[in-house]
Every structure is written in structure tokens, then in C-alpha cells.
Amino acid sequence: MAKYIVNPIEVRMIESQKRSIYQSIVAMGVRARQINADVKSEIMEQMEDIVPTADDNEIANADQVNISKKFEMMPKPSFIAMKEIFDGDLDYELPVLPQ
């Protein structure tokens, strides 16, 4: 798994580009929730294909274990969203509220 380290200098650069670190944090949170929803739906699709064993109380289904291990190895959605912002792949604009 890739190691993600938050570099404060990069965070400040993002802040200066968008004029507010809080906007960047909100955008990362929204994007992380989107990524999490996508991953969850993908897991559910793969789990639907698995035929349950006759006795569910015993050993877990090997297919379920393999799917779980695969998704545990994935980086966290918040790290993916952070990387997208730092790489410039995520473009966002928060609406301006009327005063």
C-alpha cells in the first residue's frame, strides 16, 4: 500500500491557490464520501455473486474473505481525495452565499 504523508507546504500552496484551506478540506470531504459510496457499491455488486454456504455459522466463505482482503488493501477514500487535490485532478468551486 502506498504511504501518504501530508506535506504542510503543499497544503499551504493549495490554500493560496483557492484562497481558503477550509474550501480545500470541504472539497476533500465531499470527494471522499463520493469515493466511499463508489467502493461500497462495488463491494455490494461483488458480494451479490457469491452463493452462501449451507452453514453460515462455521468458517467464512473463502470468496467473501478474498473480496474483503482486496478492499482492505485499497487506500482510504480520504487519502485518495487528498491526492486528487494535490495532483490537480479535482477541480471544485464552492458557491458564494449572498449577504
PDB file of N, CA and C in Angstrom:
ATOM      1  N   MET A   1       0.847  -1.169   0.000  1.00  0.00           N
ATOM      2  CA  MET A   1       0.000   0.000   0.000  1.00  0.00           C
ATOM      3  C   MET A   1       0.893   1.232   0.000  1.00  0.00           C
ATOM      4  N   ALA A   2       0.510   2.217  -0.752  1.00  0.00           N
ATOM      5  CA  ALA A   2       1.279   3.447  -0.828  1.00  0.00           C
ATOM      6  C   ALA A   2       1.186   4.201   0.487  1.00  0.00           C
ATOM      7  N   LYS A   3       2.270   4.864   0.844  1.00  0.00           N
ATOM      8  CA  LYS A   3       2.297   5.629   2.082  1.00  0.00           C
ATOM      9  C   LYS A   3       2.007   7.082   1.748  1.00  0.00           C
ATOM     10  N   TYR A   4       1.038   7.652   2.443  1.00  0.00           N
ATOM     11  CA  TYR A   4       0.639   9.028   2.200  1.00  0.00           C
ATOM     12  C   TYR A   4       1.080   9.885   3.380  1.00  0.00           C
ATOM     13  N   ILE A   5       1.847  10.904   3.077  1.00  0.00           N
ATOM     14  CA  ILE A   5       2.295  11.833   4.096  1.00  0.00           C
ATOM     15  C   ILE A   5       1.806  13.215   3.692  1.00  0.00           C
ATOM     16  N   VAL A   6       1.171  13.896   4.619  1.00  0.00           N
ATOM     17  CA  VAL A   6       0.677  15.239   4.344  1.00  0.00           C
ATOM     18  C   VAL A   6       1.831  16.207   4.514  1.00  0.00           C
ATOM     19  N   ASN A   7       2.116  16.929   3.473  1.00  0.00           N
ATOM     20  CA  ASN A   7       3.181  17.917   3.497  1.00  0.00           C
ATOM     21  C   ASN A   7       2.551  19.290   3.739  1.00  0.00           C
ATOM     22  N   PRO A   8       2.874  19.953   4.858  1.00  0.00           N
ATOM     23  CA  PRO A   8       2.256  21.245   5.154  1.00  0.00           C
ATOM     24  C   PRO A   8       2.512  22.302   4.085  1.00  0.00           C
ATOM     25  N   ILE A   9       3.651  22.227   3.413  1.00  0.00           N
ATOM     26  CA  ILE A   9       3.950  23.202   2.363  1.00  0.00           C
ATOM     27  C   ILE A   9       2.976  23.043   1.205  1.00  0.00           C
ATOM     28  N   GLU A  10       2.686  21.797   0.828  1.00  0.00           N
ATOM     29  CA  GLU A  10       1.732  21.559  -0.253  1.00  0.00           C
ATOM     30  C   GLU A  10       0.342  22.019   0.144  1.00  0.00           C
ATOM     31  N   VAL A  11      -0.022  21.806   1.401  1.00  0.00           N
ATOM     32  CA  VAL A  11      -1.329  22.252   1.877  1.00  0.00           C
ATOM     33  C   VAL A  11      -1.418  23.771   1.779  1.00  0.00           C
ATOM     34  N   ARG A  12      -0.368  24.468   2.150  1.00  0.00           N
ATOM     35  CA  ARG A  12      -0.353  25.935   2.054  1.00  0.00           C
ATOM     36  C   ARG A  12      -0.408  26.396   0.597  1.00  0.00           C
ATOM     37  N   MET A  13       0.224  25.648  -0.306  1.00  0.00           N
ATOM     38  CA  MET A  13       0.159  26.011  -1.723  1.00  0.00           C
ATOM     39  C   MET A  13      -1.266  25.881  -2.239  1.00  0.00           C
ATOM     40  N   ILE A  14      -1.941  24.820  -1.867  1.00  0.00           N
ATOM     41  CA  ILE A  14      -3.341  24.632  -2.258  1.00  0.00           C
ATOM     42  C   ILE A  14      -4.177  25.757  -1.666  1.00  0.00           C
ATOM     43  N   GLU A  15      -3.910  26.103  -0.423  1.00  0.00           N
ATOM     44  CA  GLU A  15      -4.653  27.170   0.247  1.00  0.00           C
ATOM     45  C   GLU A  15      -4.473  28.493  -0.499  1.00  0.00           C
ATOM     46  N   SER A  16      -3.252  28.779  -0.941  1.00  0.00           N
ATOM     47  CA  SER A  16      -3.031  30.048  -1.626  1.00  0.00           C
ATOM     48  C   SER A  16      -3.681  30.065  -3.007  1.00  0.00           C
ATOM     49  N   GLN A  17      -3.799  28.915  -3.637  1.00  0.00           N
ATOM     50  CA  GLN A  17      -4.439  28.856  -4.956  1.00  0.00           C
ATOM     51  C   GLN A  17      -5.947  29.077  -4.843  1.00  0.00           C
ATOM     52  N   LYS A  18      -6.557  28.519  -3.820  1.00  0.00           N
ATOM     53  CA  LYS A  18      -8.010  28.593  -3.673  1.00  0.00           C
ATOM     54  C   LYS A  18      -8.440  29.649  -2.667  1.00  0.00           C
ATOM     55  N   ARG A  19      -7.488  30.293  -2.014  1.00  0.00           N
ATOM     56  CA  ARG A  19      -7.710  31.359  -1.046  1.00  0.00           C
ATOM     57  C   ARG A  19      -8.273  30.896   0.294  1.00  0.00           C
ATOM     58  N   SER A  20      -8.515  29.625   0.459  1.00  0.00           N
ATOM     59  CA  SER A  20      -9.016  29.155   1.742  1.00  0.00           C
ATOM     60  C   SER A  20      -8.723  27.672   1.903  1.00  0.00           C
ATOM     61  N   ILE A  21      -8.050  27.346   2.986  1.00  0.00           N
ATOM     62  CA  ILE A  21      -7.764  25.941   3.266  1.00  0.00           C
ATOM     63  C   ILE A  21      -9.054  25.203   3.608  1.00  0.00           C
ATOM     64  N   TYR A  22     -10.018  25.927   4.154  1.00  0.00           N
ATOM     65  CA  TYR A  22     -11.279  25.302   4.533  1.00  0.00           C
ATOM     66  C   TYR A  22     -12.055  24.823   3.310  1.00  0.00           C
ATOM     67  N   GLN A  23     -11.989  25.565   2.226  1.00  0.00           N
ATOM     68  CA  GLN A  23     -12.644  25.113   0.992  1.00  0.00           C
ATOM     69  C   GLN A  23     -12.011  23.821   0.501  1.00  0.00           C
ATOM     70  N   SER A  24     -10.690  23.743   0.593  1.00  0.00           N
ATOM     71  CA  SER A  24     -10.000  22.525   0.171  1.00  0.00           C
ATOM     72  C   SER A  24     -10.408  21.339   1.041  1.00  0.00           C
ATOM     73  N   ILE A  25     -10.528  21.570   2.344  1.00  0.00           N
ATOM     74  CA  ILE A  25     -10.899  20.491   3.257  1.00  0.00           C
ATOM     75  C   ILE A  25     -12.332  20.028   2.994  1.00  0.00           C
ATOM     76  N   VAL A  26     -13.236  20.978   2.761  1.00  0.00           N
ATOM     77  CA  VAL A  26     -14.621  20.618   2.460  1.00  0.00           C
ATOM     78  C   VAL A  26     -14.684  19.837   1.152  1.00  0.00           C
ATOM     79  N   ALA A  27     -13.953  20.278   0.149  1.00  0.00           N
ATOM     80  CA  ALA A  27     -13.942  19.581  -1.140  1.00  0.00           C
ATOM     81  C   ALA A  27     -13.381  18.167  -0.991  1.00  0.00           C
ATOM     82  N   MET A  28     -12.321  18.009  -0.183  1.00  0.00           N
ATOM     83  CA  MET A  28     -11.763  16.678   0.049  1.00  0.00           C
ATOM     84  C   MET A  28     -12.781  15.785   0.757  1.00  0.00           C
ATOM     85  N   GLY A  29     -13.510  16.332   1.711  1.00  0.00           N
ATOM     86  CA  GLY A  29     -14.514  15.547   2.422  1.00  0.00           C
ATOM     87  C   GLY A  29     -15.635  15.082   1.515  1.00  0.00           C
ATOM     88  N   VAL A  30     -16.111  15.982   0.662  1.00  0.00           N
ATOM     89  CA  VAL A  30     -17.186  15.640  -0.275  1.00  0.00           C
ATOM     90  C   VAL A  30     -16.702  14.564  -1.247  1.00  0.00           C
ATOM     91  N   ARG A  31     -15.497  14.740  -1.757  1.00  0.00           N
ATOM     92  CA  ARG A  31     -14.950  13.772  -2.712  1.00  0.00           C
ATOM     93  C   ARG A  31     -14.714  12.415  -2.031  1.00  0.00           C
ATOM     94  N   ALA A  32     -14.236  12.421  -0.788  1.00  0.00           N
ATOM     95  CA  ALA A  32     -14.002  11.172  -0.066  1.00  0.00           C
ATOM     96  C   ALA A  32     -15.314  10.413   0.130  1.00  0.00           C
ATOM     97  N   ARG A  33     -16.398  11.134   0.409  1.00  0.00           N
ATOM     98  CA  ARG A  33     -17.704  10.470   0.550  1.00  0.00           C
ATOM     99  C   ARG A  33     -18.158   9.872  -0.782  1.00  0.00           C
ATOM    100  N   GLN A  34     -17.884  10.563  -1.895  1.00  0.00           N
ATOM    101  CA  GLN A  34     -18.231  10.022  -3.212  1.00  0.00           C
ATOM    102  C   GLN A  34     -17.443   8.740  -3.490  1.00  0.00           C
ATOM    103  N   ILE A  35     -16.150   8.773  -3.197  1.00  0.00           N
ATOM    104  CA  ILE A  35     -15.296   7.602  -3.426  1.00  0.00           C
ATOM    105  C   ILE A  35     -15.772   6.445  -2.558  1.00  0.00           C
ATOM    106  N   ASN A  36     -16.090   6.729  -1.295  1.00  0.00           N
ATOM    107  CA  ASN A  36     -16.563   5.695  -0.381  1.00  0.00           C
ATOM    108  C   ASN A  36     -17.856   5.062  -0.884  1.00  0.00           C
ATOM    109  N   ALA A  37     -18.769   5.873  -1.395  1.00  0.00           N
ATOM    110  CA  ALA A  37     -20.025   5.343  -1.932  1.00  0.00           C
ATOM    111  C   ALA A  37     -19.767   4.457  -3.142  1.00  0.00           C
ATOM    112  N   ASP A  38     -18.831   4.853  -3.998  1.00  0.00           N
ATOM    113  CA  ASP A  38     -18.486   4.040  -5.168  1.00  0.00           C
ATOM    114  C   ASP A  38     -17.892   2.694  -4.751  1.00  0.00           C
ATOM    115  N   VAL A  39     -16.994   2.721  -3.780  1.00  0.00           N
ATOM    116  CA  VAL A  39     -16.366   1.486  -3.295  1.00  0.00           C
ATOM    117  C   VAL A  39     -17.408   0.579  -2.658  1.00  0.00           C
ATOM    118  N   LYS A  40     -18.298   1.165  -1.882  1.00  0.00           N
ATOM    119  CA  LYS A  40     -19.341   0.370  -1.220  1.00  0.00           C
ATOM    120  C   LYS A  40     -20.247  -0.311  -2.243  1.00  0.00           C
ATOM    121  N   SER A  41     -20.635   0.423  -3.283  1.00  0.00           N
ATOM    122  CA  SER A  41     -21.486  -0.196  -4.305  1.00  0.00           C
ATOM    123  C   SER A  41     -20.738  -1.287  -5.062  1.00  0.00           C
ATOM    124  N   GLU A  42     -19.440  -1.101  -5.272  1.00  0.00           N
ATOM    125  CA  GLU A  42     -18.647  -2.126  -5.947  1.00  0.00           C
ATOM    126  C   GLU A  42     -18.548  -3.394  -5.089  1.00  0.00           C
ATOM    127  N   ILE A  43     -18.378  -3.215  -3.794  1.00  0.00           N
ATOM    128  CA  ILE A  43     -18.332  -4.368  -2.889  1.00  0.00           C
ATOM    129  C   ILE A  43     -19.667  -5.112  -2.912  1.00  0.00           C
ATOM    130  N   MET A  44     -20.750  -4.362  -2.851  1.00  0.00           N
ATOM    131  CA  MET A  44     -22.078  -4.989  -2.848  1.00  0.00           C
ATOM    132  C   MET A  44     -22.330  -5.765  -4.142  1.00  0.00           C
ATOM    133  N   GLU A  45     -21.874  -5.219  -5.276  1.00  0.00           N
ATOM    134  CA  GLU A  45     -22.037  -5.926  -6.558  1.00  0.00           C
ATOM    135  C   GLU A  45     -21.278  -7.247  -6.538  1.00  0.00           C
ATOM    136  N   GLN A  46     -20.055  -7.228  -6.009  1.00  0.00           N
ATOM    137  CA  GLN A  46     -19.257  -8.451  -5.973  1.00  0.00           C
ATOM    138  C   GLN A  46     -19.815  -9.456  -4.973  1.00  0.00           C
ATOM    139  N   MET A  47     -20.374  -8.974  -3.878  1.00  0.00           N
ATOM    140  CA  MET A  47     -20.936  -9.879  -2.868  1.00  0.00           C
ATOM    141  C   MET A  47     -22.227 -10.531  -3.348  1.00  0.00           C
ATOM    142  N   GLU A  48     -22.957  -9.875  -4.251  1.00  0.00           N
ATOM    143  CA  GLU A  48     -24.195 -10.454  -4.778  1.00  0.00           C
ATOM    144  C   GLU A  48     -23.932 -11.729  -5.557  1.00  0.00           C
ATOM    145  N   ASP A  49     -22.758 -11.840  -6.173  1.00  0.00           N
ATOM    146  CA  ASP A  49     -22.426 -13.001  -6.988  1.00  0.00           C
ATOM    147  C   ASP A  49     -22.052 -14.221  -6.154  1.00  0.00           C
ATOM    148  N   ILE A  50     -21.806 -14.023  -4.870  1.00  0.00           N
ATOM    149  CA  ILE A  50     -21.362 -15.124  -4.012  1.00  0.00           C
ATOM    150  C   ILE A  50     -22.566 -15.927  -3.537  1.00  0.00           C
ATOM    151  N   VAL A  51     -22.469 -17.233  -3.687  1.00  0.00           N
ATOM    152  CA  VAL A  51     -23.520 -18.142  -3.222  1.00  0.00           C
ATOM    153  C   VAL A  51     -23.221 -18.469  -1.768  1.00  0.00           C
ATOM    154  N   PRO A  52     -24.184 -18.237  -0.869  1.00  0.00           N
ATOM    155  CA  PRO A  52     -23.926 -18.538   0.551  1.00  0.00           C
ATOM    156  C   PRO A  52     -23.756 -20.038   0.779  1.00  0.00           C
ATOM    157  N   THR A  53     -22.918 -20.352   1.743  1.00  0.00           N
ATOM    158  CA  THR A  53     -22.697 -21.762   2.076  1.00  0.00           C
ATOM    159  C   THR A  53     -23.886 -22.282   2.875  1.00  0.00           C
ATOM    160  N   ALA A  54     -23.982 -23.586   2.973  1.00  0.00           N
ATOM    161  CA  ALA A  54     -25.112 -24.201   3.670  1.00  0.00           C
ATOM    162  C   ALA A  54     -25.111 -23.855   5.156  1.00  0.00           C
ATOM    163  N   ASP A  55     -23.940 -23.778   5.762  1.00  0.00           N
ATOM    164  CA  ASP A  55     -23.864 -23.482   7.192  1.00  0.00           C
ATOM    165  C   ASP A  55     -23.070 -22.185   7.375  1.00  0.00           C
ATOM    166  N   ASP A  56     -23.772 -21.067   7.545  1.00  0.00           N
ATOM    167  CA  ASP A  56     -23.126 -19.762   7.648  1.00  0.00           C
ATOM    168  C   ASP A  56     -22.431 -19.549   8.988  1.00  0.00           C
ATOM    169  N   ASN A  57     -22.719 -20.365   9.988  1.00  0.00           N
ATOM    170  CA  ASN A  57     -22.139 -20.166  11.315  1.00  0.00           C
ATOM    171  C   ASN A  57     -20.708 -20.676  11.409  1.00  0.00           C
ATOM    172  N   GLU A  58     -20.309 -21.476  10.464  1.00  0.00           N
ATOM    173  CA  GLU A  58     -18.959 -22.032  10.521  1.00  0.00           C
ATOM    174  C   GLU A  58     -17.978 -21.060   9.857  1.00  0.00           C
ATOM    175  N   ILE A  59     -17.026 -21.592   9.188  1.00  0.00           N
ATOM    176  CA  ILE A  59     -15.959 -20.796   8.566  1.00  0.00           C
ATOM    177  C   ILE A  59     -16.552 -19.850   7.515  1.00  0.00           C
ATOM    178  N   ALA A  60     -15.988 -18.638   7.451  1.00  0.00           N
ATOM    179  CA  ALA A  60     -16.453 -17.653   6.479  1.00  0.00           C
ATOM    180  C   ALA A  60     -16.186 -18.157   5.059  1.00  0.00           C
ATOM    181  N   ASN A  61     -17.027 -17.731   4.156  1.00  0.00           N
ATOM    182  CA  ASN A  61     -16.896 -18.101   2.753  1.00  0.00           C
ATOM    183  C   ASN A  61     -15.569 -17.568   2.222  1.00  0.00           C
ATOM    184  N   ALA A  62     -14.812 -18.409   1.527  1.00  0.00           N
ATOM    185  CA  ALA A  62     -13.488 -18.023   1.021  1.00  0.00           C
ATOM    186  C   ALA A  62     -13.588 -16.870   0.028  1.00  0.00           C
ATOM    187  N   ASP A  63     -14.639 -16.846  -0.775  1.00  0.00           N
ATOM    188  CA  ASP A  63     -14.802 -15.758  -1.741  1.00  0.00           C
ATOM    189  C   ASP A  63     -15.023 -14.425  -1.033  1.00  0.00           C
ATOM    190  N   GLN A  64     -15.807 -14.456   0.036  1.00  0.00           N
ATOM    191  CA  GLN A  64     -16.042 -13.233   0.807  1.00  0.00           C
ATOM    192  C   GLN A  64     -14.746 -12.734   1.441  1.00  0.00           C
ATOM    193  N   VAL A  65     -13.954 -13.648   1.931  1.00  0.00           N
ATOM    194  CA  VAL A  65     -12.672 -13.284   2.543  1.00  0.00           C
ATOM    195  C   VAL A  65     -11.751 -12.656   1.506  1.00  0.00           C
ATOM    196  N   ASN A  66     -11.700 -13.240   0.317  1.00  0.00           N
ATOM    197  CA  ASN A  66     -10.845 -12.691  -0.738  1.00  0.00           C
ATOM    198  C   ASN A  66     -11.280 -11.287  -1.144  1.00  0.00           C
ATOM    199  N   ILE A  67     -12.580 -11.069  -1.260  1.00  0.00           N
ATOM    200  CA  ILE A  67     -13.094  -9.737  -1.607  1.00  0.00           C
ATOM    201  C   ILE A  67     -12.763  -8.750  -0.501  1.00  0.00           C
ATOM    202  N   SER A  68     -12.929  -9.160   0.743  1.00  0.00           N
ATOM    203  CA  SER A  68     -12.621  -8.283   1.873  1.00  0.00           C
ATOM    204  C   SER A  68     -11.146  -7.906   1.899  1.00  0.00           C
ATOM    205  N   LYS A  69     -10.283  -8.871   1.664  1.00  0.00           N
ATOM    206  CA  LYS A  69      -8.836  -8.589   1.661  1.00  0.00           C
ATOM    207  C   LYS A  69      -8.466  -7.618   0.548  1.00  0.00           C
ATOM    208  N   LYS A  70      -9.095  -7.795  -0.601  1.00  0.00           N
ATOM    209  CA  LYS A  70      -8.810  -6.910  -1.732  1.00  0.00           C
ATOM    210  C   LYS A  70      -9.162  -5.464  -1.384  1.00  0.00           C
ATOM    211  N   PHE A  71     -10.320  -5.260  -0.778  1.00  0.00           N
ATOM    212  CA  PHE A  71     -10.741  -3.903  -0.462  1.00  0.00           C
ATOM    213  C   PHE A  71     -10.007  -3.329   0.750  1.00  0.00           C
ATOM    214  N   GLU A  72      -9.514  -4.171   1.642  1.00  0.00           N
ATOM    215  CA  GLU A  72      -8.722  -3.683   2.767  1.00  0.00           C
ATOM    216  C   GLU A  72      -7.384  -3.136   2.308  1.00  0.00           C
ATOM    217  N   MET A  73      -6.884  -3.638   1.198  1.00  0.00           N
ATOM    218  CA  MET A  73      -5.591  -3.186   0.685  1.00  0.00           C
ATOM    219  C   MET A  73      -5.682  -1.842  -0.037  1.00  0.00           C
ATOM    220  N   MET A  74      -6.885  -1.435  -0.371  1.00  0.00           N
ATOM    221  CA  MET A  74      -7.068  -0.152  -1.068  1.00  0.00           C
ATOM    222  C   MET A  74      -6.783   0.997  -0.109  1.00  0.00           C
ATOM    223  N   PRO A  75      -6.251   2.118  -0.628  1.00  0.00           N
ATOM    224  CA  PRO A  75      -6.056   3.279   0.239  1.00  0.00           C
ATOM    225  C   PRO A  75      -7.403   3.853   0.674  1.00  0.00           C
ATOM    226  N   LYS A  76      -7.397   4.552   1.782  1.00  0.00           N
ATOM    227  CA  LYS A  76      -8.611   5.151   2.321  1.00  0.00           C
ATOM    228  C   LYS A  76      -9.133   6.230   1.380  1.00  0.00           C
ATOM    229  N   PRO A  77     -10.452   6.396   1.315  1.00  0.00           N
ATOM    230  CA  PRO A  77     -11.032   7.415   0.427  1.00  0.00           C
ATOM    231  C   PRO A  77     -10.520   8.822   0.702  1.00  0.00           C
ATOM    232  N   SER A  78     -10.242   9.150   1.961  1.00  0.00           N
ATOM    233  CA  SER A  78      -9.737  10.490   2.263  1.00  0.00           C
ATOM    234  C   SER A  78      -8.342  10.698   1.678  1.00  0.00           C
ATOM    235  N   PHE A  79      -7.517   9.655   1.670  1.00  0.00           N
ATOM    236  CA  PHE A  79      -6.189   9.777   1.073  1.00  0.00           C
ATOM    237  C   PHE A  79      -6.277   9.916  -0.446  1.00  0.00           C
ATOM    238  N   ILE A  80      -7.210   9.196  -1.052  1.00  0.00           N
ATOM    239  CA  ILE A  80      -7.396   9.298  -2.499  1.00  0.00           C
ATOM    240  C   ILE A  80      -7.844  10.711  -2.859  1.00  0.00           C
ATOM    241  N   ALA A  81      -8.792  11.259  -2.098  1.00  0.00           N
ATOM    242  CA  ALA A  81      -9.278  12.618  -2.355  1.00  0.00           C
ATOM    243  C   ALA A  81      -8.166  13.640  -2.163  1.00  0.00           C
ATOM    244  N   MET A  82      -7.350  13.464  -1.132  1.00  0.00           N
ATOM    245  CA  MET A  82      -6.238  14.379  -0.887  1.00  0.00           C
ATOM    246  C   MET A  82      -5.243  14.343  -2.043  1.00  0.00           C
ATOM    247  N   LYS A  83      -4.947  13.143  -2.514  1.00  0.00           N
ATOM    248  CA  LYS A  83      -4.014  13.003  -3.645  1.00  0.00           C
ATOM    249  C   LYS A  83      -4.580  13.657  -4.894  1.00  0.00           C
ATOM    250  N   GLU A  84      -5.890  13.511  -5.123  1.00  0.00           N
ATOM    251  CA  GLU A  84      -6.515  14.145  -6.282  1.00  0.00           C
ATOM    252  C   GLU A  84      -6.385  15.663  -6.220  1.00  0.00           C
ATOM    253  N   ILE A  85      -6.545  16.242  -5.047  1.00  0.00           N
ATOM    254  CA  ILE A  85      -6.415  17.700  -4.916  1.00  0.00           C
ATOM    255  C   ILE A  85      -4.970  18.117  -5.140  1.00  0.00           C
ATOM    256  N   PHE A  86      -4.027  17.396  -4.531  1.00  0.00           N
ATOM    257  CA  PHE A  86      -2.625  17.759  -4.678  1.00  0.00           C
ATOM    258  C   PHE A  86      -2.130  17.587  -6.109  1.00  0.00           C
ATOM    259  N   ASP A  87      -2.664  16.595  -6.812  1.00  0.00           N
ATOM    260  CA  ASP A  87      -2.263  16.370  -8.207  1.00  0.00           C
ATOM    261  C   ASP A  87      -2.990  17.289  -9.185  1.00  0.00           C
ATOM    262  N   GLY A  88      -3.973  18.023  -8.694  1.00  0.00           N
ATOM    263  CA  GLY A  88      -4.727  18.921  -9.561  1.00  0.00           C
ATOM    264  C   GLY A  88      -5.809  18.229 -10.355  1.00  0.00           C
ATOM    265  N   ASP A  89      -6.151  16.986  -9.971  1.00  0.00           N
ATOM    266  CA  ASP A  89      -7.181  16.233 -10.683  1.00  0.00           C
ATOM    267  C   ASP A  89      -8.589  16.603 -10.235  1.00  0.00           C
ATOM    268  N   LEU A  90      -8.708  17.237  -9.086  1.00  0.00           N
ATOM    269  CA  LEU A  90     -10.007  17.583  -8.540  1.00  0.00           C
ATOM    270  C   LEU A  90     -10.192  19.089  -8.611  1.00  0.00           C
ATOM    271  N   ASP A  91     -11.162  19.495  -9.388  1.00  0.00           N
ATOM    272  CA  ASP A  91     -11.454  20.917  -9.522  1.00  0.00           C
ATOM    273  C   ASP A  91     -12.780  21.178  -8.830  1.00  0.00           C
ATOM    274  N   TYR A  92     -12.807  22.179  -7.985  1.00  0.00           N
ATOM    275  CA  TYR A  92     -14.012  22.462  -7.222  1.00  0.00           C
ATOM    276  C   TYR A  92     -14.190  23.959  -7.069  1.00  0.00           C
ATOM    277  N   GLU A  93     -15.424  24.323  -6.874  1.00  0.00           N
ATOM    278  CA  GLU A  93     -15.746  25.720  -6.610  1.00  0.00           C
ATOM    279  C   GLU A  93     -16.966  25.745  -5.706  1.00  0.00           C
ATOM    280  N   LEU A  94     -16.800  26.334  -4.558  1.00  0.00           N
ATOM    281  CA  LEU A  94     -17.910  26.420  -3.622  1.00  0.00           C
ATOM    282  C   LEU A  94     -18.753  27.640  -3.949  1.00  0.00           C
ATOM    283  N   PRO A  95     -20.062  27.519  -3.832  1.00  0.00           N
ATOM    284  CA  PRO A  95     -20.920  28.653  -4.151  1.00  0.00           C
ATOM    285  C   PRO A  95     -20.738  29.784  -3.145  1.00  0.00           C
ATOM    286  N   VAL A  96     -20.878  31.001  -3.637  1.00  0.00           N
ATOM    287  CA  VAL A  96     -20.799  32.169  -2.778  1.00  0.00           C
ATOM    288  C   VAL A  96     -22.188  32.459  -2.253  1.00  0.00           C
ATOM    289  N   LEU A  97     -22.301  32.542  -0.945  1.00  0.00           N
ATOM    290  CA  LEU A  97     -23.595  32.793  -0.336  1.00  0.00           C
ATOM    291  C   LEU A  97     -23.899  34.295  -0.362  1.00  0.00           C
ATOM    292  N   PRO A  98     -25.144  34.649  -0.661  1.00  0.00           N
ATOM    293  CA  PRO A  98     -25.495  36.072  -0.662  1.00  0.00           C
ATOM    294  C   PRO A  98     -25.475  36.638   0.762  1.00  0.00           C
ATOM    295  N   GLN A  99     -25.096  37.894   0.874  1.00  0.00           N
ATOM    296  CA  GLN A  99     -25.003  38.509   2.203  1.00  0.00           C
ATOM    297  C   GLN A  99     -26.138  39.426   2.481  1.00  0.00           C
TER     298      GLN A  99
END
